Amino acid sequence: MALLTPPGRGAIASLAVRGTRAWDIARELFHFPPSAKVTELPNRPVTGRIWLGRLGEPGKGGSDDVVLCARHAEPIPWLELHCHGGDQAVGMICDVLARQGVVACAWQELERQAGARQLQLLAQQQLAQAPTLRVASILLDQFHGALARAVHRVLLKLENGEGEAADEELRSLLSRRQLGTHLVTPWRVVVAGAPNVGKSSLVNALAGFTRCLVSPEAGTTRDVVTTTLAIDGWPVAVSDTAGWHDNAASLERQGIERARQLASDADLCLWLLDGSAAPMLPEDPAGIMALVISKVDLPAAWDWQSVSAVGQVSSPAGVGIKELCAAIAQRLVTEAPAAGDGIPFTAELGEQIEQAQCDCRAGQYHKARNRLLELLS
């Protein structure tokens, strides 16, 4: 048996029980309510059938209301029990099953015993952390074999001696490598600029609620405030940072230095320019920087219309926010994958595929083939 839901308090917990005796044990422990038209489970499980009752040993401790589902009837019964969540309720059910000889294991081991391949297990692990519907949809594609099918296409070309065609397939997979590593780990976007250009207001507008303190006084933001959002279905961690200027006191200067480092390491840095005041650009542009004009609802103090910017916003009024979100998504994911595309959805998978490509380009097709077969194992 394996616990499928995270440990801790929760409304519902799910347990999987698999084995040749799983159904016999369920028939012994499962009890229908007195009002039910049936008194016991059928002799054999039926795939997809669901039963509502109680699970426990009469006279030997507690029992709990459960939903019993036969996920697979053949060749080896695979059952799922859905009970009340919480450590005590789950522990009681596990104790009842353990007294019948059921052994606990990790859910990965249960899936592996059922024939799940490495890529399926990895996809399931990532699915449990999917922050958005779009990400979950992509990971479900990988679980159902999108990446495996792409790797098989490469293997076929290698077996036929089509090195260039195999290399092109690998190149296509690696073009989606960065996206794959940001499916459950958010992209990092830093909002930077001079003091009082509207950084905190912009982060609040992107979040849709007041996440950062806004004040006309310079130096209000001294530390980094990060908010994780979904932008066009992609997870994005947006960081509000201290305003960059030269006359900062010691504490504020530390915040500015941290902001510089974050901007340098970010996937995208949005540098805000106040449209209603003299603009200030950084002397040393950090990271991948894109300009955003703020306060466009106020009288213009300079010709910001002539500047190539990814957004022109008035954050308190919500002007330009939708368009800026679209621009951010386009900068981060230049080409969204189509349904069914294979994606290296972990950093390790990307490394394996890159190594296979290096072998392929060196003419070491046998070595590339072995790497890819290891990935599929």
Protein backbone atom coordinates (compact mmCIF):
# COMPACT_ATOMS: atom_id res chain seq x y z
CA MET A 1 0.00 0.00 0.00
CA ALA A 2 1.06 3.59 -0.56
CA LEU A 3 -0.24 6.97 0.51
CA LEU A 4 -1.05 8.97 -2.64
CA THR A 5 -1.85 12.29 -0.98
CA PRO A 6 0.62 14.47 0.97
CA PRO A 7 0.89 13.75 4.71
CA GLY A 8 -0.76 16.15 7.12
CA ARG A 9 -4.22 17.56 7.66
CA GLY A 10 -6.65 17.48 4.79
CA ALA A 11 -10.26 16.81 3.94
CA ILE A 12 -9.54 13.62 2.01
CA ALA A 13 -6.64 11.18 1.90
CA SER A 14 -6.09 8.53 -0.76
CA LEU A 15 -4.41 5.16 -0.29
CA ALA A 16 -3.50 2.67 -3.01
CA VAL A 17 -3.49 -1.06 -2.26
CA ARG A 18 -2.13 -3.47 -4.84
CA GLY A 19 -1.48 -7.19 -4.76
CA THR A 20 -2.94 -10.62 -5.35
CA ARG A 21 -4.71 -10.57 -1.96
CA ALA A 22 -5.85 -6.94 -2.17
CA TRP A 23 -9.45 -7.75 -3.04
CA ASP A 24 -9.78 -10.57 -0.48
CA ILE A 25 -8.55 -8.21 2.27
CA ALA A 26 -10.95 -5.51 1.10
CA ARG A 27 -13.89 -7.93 1.21
CA GLU A 28 -13.01 -8.86 4.80
CA LEU A 29 -12.58 -5.31 6.08
CA PHE A 30 -15.24 -3.43 4.07
CA HIS A 31 -18.75 -3.08 5.54
CA PHE A 32 -21.82 -1.59 3.89
CA PRO A 33 -24.14 0.66 5.92
CA PRO A 34 -27.33 -1.00 7.27
CA SER A 35 -29.47 0.86 4.74
CA ALA A 36 -27.56 -0.57 1.76
CA LYS A 37 -29.24 -3.07 -0.54
CA VAL A 38 -26.13 -5.28 -0.57
CA THR A 39 -24.25 -6.71 2.37
CA GLU A 40 -20.86 -7.59 0.93
CA LEU A 41 -18.56 -6.86 -1.97
CA PRO A 42 -18.70 -9.11 -5.06
CA ASN A 43 -16.36 -12.06 -5.29
CA ARG A 44 -14.24 -10.32 -7.94
CA PRO A 45 -13.42 -6.63 -8.40
CA VAL A 46 -14.82 -4.73 -11.36
CA THR A 47 -12.56 -2.11 -12.92
CA GLY A 48 -13.99 1.37 -12.43
CA ARG A 49 -16.63 0.35 -9.84
CA ILE A 50 -17.00 2.46 -6.69
CA TRP A 51 -18.43 1.43 -3.33
CA LEU A 52 -19.27 3.54 -0.25
CA GLY A 53 -19.04 2.04 3.23
CA ARG A 54 -16.80 1.65 6.27
CA LEU A 55 -13.40 0.01 6.61
CA GLY A 56 -12.30 -1.59 9.86
CA GLU A 57 -12.13 -4.69 12.02
CA PRO A 58 -15.23 -5.13 14.20
CA GLY A 59 -14.21 -5.23 17.85
CA LYS A 60 -10.56 -4.40 17.11
CA GLY A 61 -10.41 -0.64 17.11
CA GLY A 62 -11.93 2.08 15.03
CA SER A 63 -13.26 2.23 11.51
CA ASP A 64 -13.78 5.05 9.03
CA ASP A 65 -16.10 5.95 6.19
CA VAL A 66 -14.32 5.23 2.94
CA VAL A 67 -14.87 5.25 -0.78
CA LEU A 68 -13.45 2.08 -2.33
CA CYS A 69 -12.55 2.11 -6.01
CA ALA A 70 -11.23 -0.73 -8.16
CA ARG A 71 -8.71 1.07 -10.34
CA HIS A 72 -7.64 -2.17 -12.05
CA ALA A 73 -9.14 -5.62 -11.62
CA GLU A 74 -6.68 -7.57 -13.76
CA PRO A 75 -4.10 -9.00 -13.81
CA ILE A 76 -3.39 -7.92 -10.21
CA PRO A 77 -6.06 -5.98 -8.28
CA TRP A 78 -5.22 -2.32 -7.74
CA LEU A 79 -7.58 -0.63 -5.28
CA GLU A 80 -7.86 2.91 -4.01
CA LEU A 81 -9.28 3.90 -0.63
CA HIS A 82 -10.39 7.47 -0.06
CA CYS A 83 -10.85 8.24 3.64
CA HIS A 84 -10.88 11.26 5.93
CA GLY A 85 -7.64 13.21 5.80
CA GLY A 86 -5.26 13.80 8.69
CA ASP A 87 -2.48 11.74 10.19
CA GLN A 88 -4.64 9.95 12.76
CA ALA A 89 -7.38 8.89 10.35
CA VAL A 90 -4.88 7.69 7.77
CA GLY A 91 -2.77 5.99 10.42
CA MET A 92 -5.79 4.04 11.66
CA ILE A 93 -6.58 2.73 8.16
CA CYS A 94 -2.92 1.82 7.59
CA ASP A 95 -2.82 -0.05 10.92
CA VAL A 96 -5.95 -2.01 9.99
CA LEU A 97 -4.41 -2.97 6.64
CA ALA A 98 -1.02 -3.77 8.18
CA ARG A 99 -2.64 -6.28 10.54
CA GLN A 100 -3.82 -8.10 7.42
CA GLY A 101 -0.26 -8.34 6.12
CA VAL A 102 -0.33 -5.30 3.81
CA VAL A 103 3.14 -3.71 3.55
CA ALA A 104 3.61 0.06 3.18
CA CYS A 105 5.81 1.50 0.42
CA ALA A 106 6.32 4.73 -1.51
CA TRP A 107 3.84 5.42 -4.31
CA GLN A 108 6.71 5.40 -6.82
CA GLU A 109 7.53 1.81 -5.89
CA LEU A 110 3.89 0.82 -6.31
CA GLU A 111 3.80 2.38 -9.77
CA ARG A 112 7.13 0.75 -10.66
CA GLN A 113 5.78 -2.66 -9.66
CA ALA A 114 2.84 -2.02 -11.96
CA GLY A 115 5.21 -1.44 -14.89
CA ALA A 116 5.54 2.35 -14.90
CA ARG A 117 8.64 3.62 -16.73
CA GLN A 118 11.07 6.24 -15.45
CA LEU A 119 9.59 9.05 -17.54
CA GLN A 120 6.09 8.30 -16.28
CA LEU A 121 7.24 8.38 -12.65
CA LEU A 122 9.09 11.65 -13.20
CA ALA A 123 6.04 13.17 -14.90
CA GLN A 124 3.82 12.08 -12.00
CA GLN A 125 6.19 13.69 -9.51
CA GLN A 126 6.12 16.94 -11.46
CA LEU A 127 2.33 16.77 -11.89
CA ALA A 128 1.94 16.82 -8.11
CA GLN A 129 3.62 20.24 -8.15
CA ALA A 130 1.94 21.67 -11.26
CA PRO A 131 0.99 25.27 -10.36
CA THR A 132 -1.32 25.98 -13.33
CA LEU A 133 -3.70 24.16 -15.65
CA ARG A 134 -1.45 24.88 -18.62
CA VAL A 135 1.55 23.31 -16.90
CA ALA A 136 -0.52 20.30 -15.81
CA SER A 137 -1.69 19.79 -19.39
CA ILE A 138 1.90 19.76 -20.67
CA LEU A 139 3.02 17.34 -17.97
CA LEU A 140 0.07 15.07 -18.68
CA ASP A 141 1.26 14.94 -22.29
CA GLN A 142 4.66 13.80 -21.05
CA PHE A 143 3.06 11.24 -18.73
CA HIS A 144 1.15 9.84 -21.68
CA GLY A 145 4.34 9.44 -23.67
CA ALA A 146 5.03 12.68 -25.60
CA LEU A 147 8.72 12.81 -24.66
CA ALA A 148 9.11 9.03 -24.97
CA ARG A 149 7.69 9.11 -28.50
CA ALA A 150 10.08 11.91 -29.47
CA VAL A 151 13.04 9.93 -28.12
CA HIS A 152 11.88 6.82 -30.01
CA ARG A 153 11.88 8.86 -33.23
CA VAL A 154 15.50 9.79 -32.56
CA LEU A 155 16.40 6.15 -31.85
CA LEU A 156 14.82 5.04 -35.11
CA LYS A 157 16.87 7.56 -37.08
CA LEU A 158 20.05 6.51 -35.27
CA GLU A 159 19.39 2.87 -36.07
CA ASN A 160 18.95 3.81 -39.73
CA GLY A 161 22.21 5.77 -39.73
CA GLU A 162 20.40 9.09 -40.26
CA GLY A 163 22.71 11.15 -38.07
CA GLU A 164 21.68 14.57 -39.33
CA ALA A 165 17.96 13.79 -38.99
CA ALA A 166 18.54 12.48 -35.45
CA ASP A 167 20.48 15.63 -34.59
CA GLU A 168 17.59 17.78 -35.85
CA GLU A 169 15.13 15.87 -33.65
CA LEU A 170 17.41 16.36 -30.64
CA ARG A 171 17.82 20.05 -31.46
CA SER A 172 14.04 20.42 -31.51
CA LEU A 173 13.76 18.79 -28.08
CA LEU A 174 16.50 20.97 -26.63
CA SER A 175 14.81 24.12 -27.95
CA ARG A 176 12.12 23.43 -25.32
CA ARG A 177 14.61 22.62 -22.57
CA GLN A 178 14.40 25.95 -20.77
CA LEU A 179 10.61 25.83 -20.80
CA GLY A 180 10.75 22.34 -19.31
CA THR A 181 12.82 23.46 -16.34
CA HIS A 182 10.31 26.24 -15.60
CA LEU A 183 7.14 24.17 -15.58
CA VAL A 184 7.10 23.80 -11.80
CA THR A 185 9.96 26.18 -10.96
CA PRO A 186 8.75 29.74 -11.70
CA TRP A 187 10.46 32.04 -14.16
CA ARG A 188 12.17 34.89 -12.30
CA VAL A 189 11.14 38.42 -13.29
CA VAL A 190 12.64 41.39 -11.44
CA VAL A 191 11.05 44.83 -11.45
CA ALA A 192 13.79 47.45 -11.11
CA GLY A 193 14.31 51.17 -11.59
CA ALA A 194 14.95 54.45 -9.82
CA PRO A 195 13.03 55.32 -6.63
CA ASN A 196 9.35 56.25 -7.03
CA VAL A 197 8.97 55.16 -10.65
CA GLY A 198 6.07 52.86 -9.75
CA LYS A 199 7.73 49.48 -9.17
CA SER A 200 5.59 48.45 -6.19
CA SER A 201 2.42 49.73 -7.86
CA LEU A 202 3.23 47.64 -10.94
CA VAL A 203 3.77 44.47 -8.91
CA ASN A 204 0.46 45.09 -7.11
CA ALA A 205 -1.30 45.58 -10.46
CA LEU A 206 0.21 42.38 -11.87
CA ALA A 207 -0.80 40.46 -8.73
CA GLY A 208 -4.29 41.91 -8.64
CA PHE A 209 -4.01 42.77 -4.93
CA THR A 210 -1.88 44.91 -2.64
CA ARG A 211 1.27 42.86 -2.17
CA CYS A 212 3.78 45.70 -1.79
CA LEU A 213 3.67 48.88 0.27
CA VAL A 214 3.33 51.97 -1.92
CA SER A 215 4.51 55.41 -0.77
CA PRO A 216 5.70 58.64 -2.41
CA GLU A 217 8.67 58.62 -0.03
CA ALA A 218 11.88 57.33 -1.62
CA GLY A 219 13.38 54.22 -0.05
CA THR A 220 10.08 52.65 1.07
CA THR A 221 11.08 49.32 -0.51
CA ARG A 222 14.37 48.26 1.05
CA ASP A 223 14.19 44.50 0.66
CA VAL A 224 12.96 42.17 -2.07
CA VAL A 225 9.25 41.31 -2.09
CA THR A 226 8.44 38.36 -4.35
CA THR A 227 5.01 37.32 -5.57
CA THR A 228 4.38 34.15 -7.57
CA LEU A 229 1.83 34.66 -10.35
CA ALA A 230 0.45 32.84 -13.36
CA ILE A 231 1.06 34.85 -16.54
CA ASP A 232 -0.55 33.29 -19.61
CA GLY A 233 -0.54 30.01 -17.71
CA TRP A 234 3.20 30.10 -16.92
CA PRO A 235 4.41 30.30 -13.30
CA VAL A 236 6.30 33.56 -12.78
CA ALA A 237 7.91 34.88 -9.58
CA VAL A 238 7.83 38.69 -9.79
CA SER A 239 10.18 40.55 -7.43
CA ASP A 240 9.78 44.17 -6.34
CA THR A 241 13.16 45.68 -5.48
CA ALA A 242 14.69 48.75 -3.90
CA GLY A 243 15.02 51.85 -6.10
CA TRP A 244 18.49 52.24 -7.59
CA HIS A 245 20.27 55.51 -6.76
CA ASP A 246 23.69 56.68 -5.60
CA ASN A 247 22.89 58.56 -2.37
CA ALA A 248 21.45 55.68 -0.38
CA ALA A 249 22.15 55.13 3.32
CA SER A 250 23.82 51.93 4.48
CA LEU A 251 20.69 49.79 4.95
CA GLU A 252 19.08 50.98 1.72
CA ARG A 253 22.38 50.47 -0.12
CA GLN A 254 22.31 46.79 0.85
CA GLY A 255 18.84 46.51 -0.65
CA ILE A 256 20.05 48.13 -3.87
CA GLU A 257 23.00 45.74 -4.14
CA ARG A 258 20.68 42.81 -3.65
CA ALA A 259 18.38 44.21 -6.32
CA ARG A 260 21.32 44.47 -8.74
CA GLN A 261 22.27 40.85 -8.13
CA LEU A 262 18.70 39.62 -8.59
CA ALA A 263 18.35 41.61 -11.80
CA SER A 264 21.57 40.08 -13.09
CA ASP A 265 20.40 36.54 -12.33
CA ALA A 266 16.78 36.97 -13.45
CA ASP A 267 15.19 35.46 -16.54
CA LEU A 268 13.83 38.93 -17.30
CA CYS A 269 14.41 42.35 -15.73
CA LEU A 270 11.75 45.02 -16.24
CA TRP A 271 13.35 48.45 -15.90
CA LEU A 272 10.72 51.09 -15.18
CA LEU A 273 10.99 54.60 -16.58
CA ASP A 274 8.69 57.26 -15.16
CA GLY A 275 6.95 58.95 -18.09
CA SER A 276 6.18 62.01 -15.97
CA ALA A 277 9.73 62.67 -14.73
CA ALA A 278 13.26 62.74 -16.09
CA PRO A 279 14.23 59.14 -17.00
CA MET A 280 17.06 57.28 -15.32
CA LEU A 281 18.71 54.30 -17.00
CA PRO A 282 21.21 52.07 -15.19
CA GLU A 283 24.86 52.64 -16.03
CA ASP A 284 25.43 48.88 -16.22
CA PRO A 285 22.34 47.12 -17.63
CA ALA A 286 21.96 43.82 -15.78
CA GLY A 287 20.60 40.55 -17.09
CA ILE A 288 17.94 40.44 -19.75
CA MET A 289 16.49 43.92 -19.46
CA ALA A 290 13.30 45.28 -21.00
CA LEU A 291 12.01 48.83 -20.62
CA VAL A 292 8.55 49.65 -19.27
CA ILE A 293 7.11 53.17 -19.24
CA SER A 294 5.08 53.90 -16.10
CA LYS A 295 2.64 56.69 -15.12
CA VAL A 296 1.55 57.20 -18.72
CA ASP A 297 -1.68 58.79 -17.47
CA LEU A 298 0.30 61.84 -16.24
CA PRO A 299 1.64 64.67 -18.43
CA ALA A 300 4.73 63.49 -20.28
CA ALA A 301 8.05 64.99 -19.14
CA TRP A 302 9.99 63.53 -22.08
CA ASP A 303 9.39 61.80 -25.40
CA TRP A 304 8.85 58.28 -24.07
CA GLN A 305 6.81 57.40 -27.16
CA SER A 306 10.07 57.15 -29.10
CA VAL A 307 11.52 54.52 -26.73
CA SER A 308 11.29 50.84 -27.58
CA ALA A 309 9.46 49.51 -24.52
CA VAL A 310 7.63 46.25 -23.87
CA GLY A 311 4.88 48.05 -21.97
CA GLN A 312 3.32 51.43 -21.29
CA VAL A 313 1.34 51.32 -18.07
CA SER A 314 -0.59 53.27 -15.50
CA SER A 315 -0.61 50.74 -12.68
CA PRO A 316 -3.25 52.27 -10.34
CA ALA A 317 -5.67 52.56 -13.27
CA GLY A 318 -4.80 49.14 -14.68
CA VAL A 319 -3.87 50.66 -18.04
CA GLY A 320 -1.56 48.51 -20.17
CA ILE A 321 -1.30 45.68 -17.62
CA LYS A 322 -2.90 43.06 -19.87
CA GLU A 323 -0.62 44.02 -22.75
CA LEU A 324 2.44 43.95 -20.48
CA CYS A 325 1.53 40.44 -19.28
CA ALA A 326 1.36 39.28 -22.89
CA ALA A 327 4.77 40.85 -23.57
CA ILE A 328 6.30 39.18 -20.49
CA ALA A 329 4.94 35.79 -21.55
CA GLN A 330 6.32 36.26 -25.06
CA ARG A 331 9.76 37.20 -23.72
CA LEU A 332 9.87 34.15 -21.44
CA VAL A 333 8.32 31.61 -23.80
CA THR A 334 9.00 32.73 -27.35
CA GLU A 335 7.29 29.69 -28.87
CA ALA A 336 4.67 27.84 -26.84
CA PRO A 337 4.64 24.06 -27.36
CA ALA A 338 1.85 22.40 -29.30
CA ALA A 339 -0.26 19.68 -27.74
CA GLY A 340 1.69 16.42 -27.74
CA ASP A 341 5.14 18.00 -28.12
CA GLY A 342 7.91 16.21 -26.27
CA ILE A 343 9.54 18.39 -23.61
CA PRO A 344 12.57 17.63 -21.38
CA PHE A 345 10.66 18.52 -18.23
CA THR A 346 13.53 18.30 -15.72
CA ALA A 347 17.06 19.68 -15.79
CA GLU A 348 18.46 16.13 -15.67
CA LEU A 349 16.47 15.07 -18.74
CA GLY A 350 17.75 18.11 -20.60
CA GLU A 351 21.33 17.21 -19.71
CA GLN A 352 20.88 13.62 -20.90
CA ILE A 353 19.45 14.75 -24.22
CA GLU A 354 22.23 17.34 -24.66
CA GLN A 355 24.87 14.65 -24.05
CA ALA A 356 23.16 12.39 -26.59
CA GLN A 357 23.28 15.24 -29.10
CA CYS A 358 27.01 15.72 -28.49
CA ASP A 359 27.56 12.00 -29.09
CA CYS A 360 25.46 12.16 -32.24
CA ARG A 361 27.42 15.11 -33.62
CA ALA A 362 30.67 13.27 -32.88
CA GLY A 363 29.41 10.34 -34.93
CA GLN A 364 29.16 8.14 -31.85
CA TYR A 365 25.66 6.92 -32.65
CA HIS A 366 25.90 3.80 -30.51
CA LYS A 367 26.80 5.89 -27.45
CA ALA A 368 23.97 8.35 -28.16
CA ARG A 369 21.57 5.43 -28.53
CA ASN A 370 22.58 3.97 -25.17
CA ARG A 371 22.08 7.31 -23.43
CA LEU A 372 18.57 7.62 -24.83
CA LEU A 373 17.69 4.03 -23.98
CA GLU A 374 18.81 4.72 -20.40
CA LEU A 375 16.48 7.73 -20.36
CA LEU A 376 13.56 5.51 -21.38
CA SER A 377 14.31 2.70 -18.93
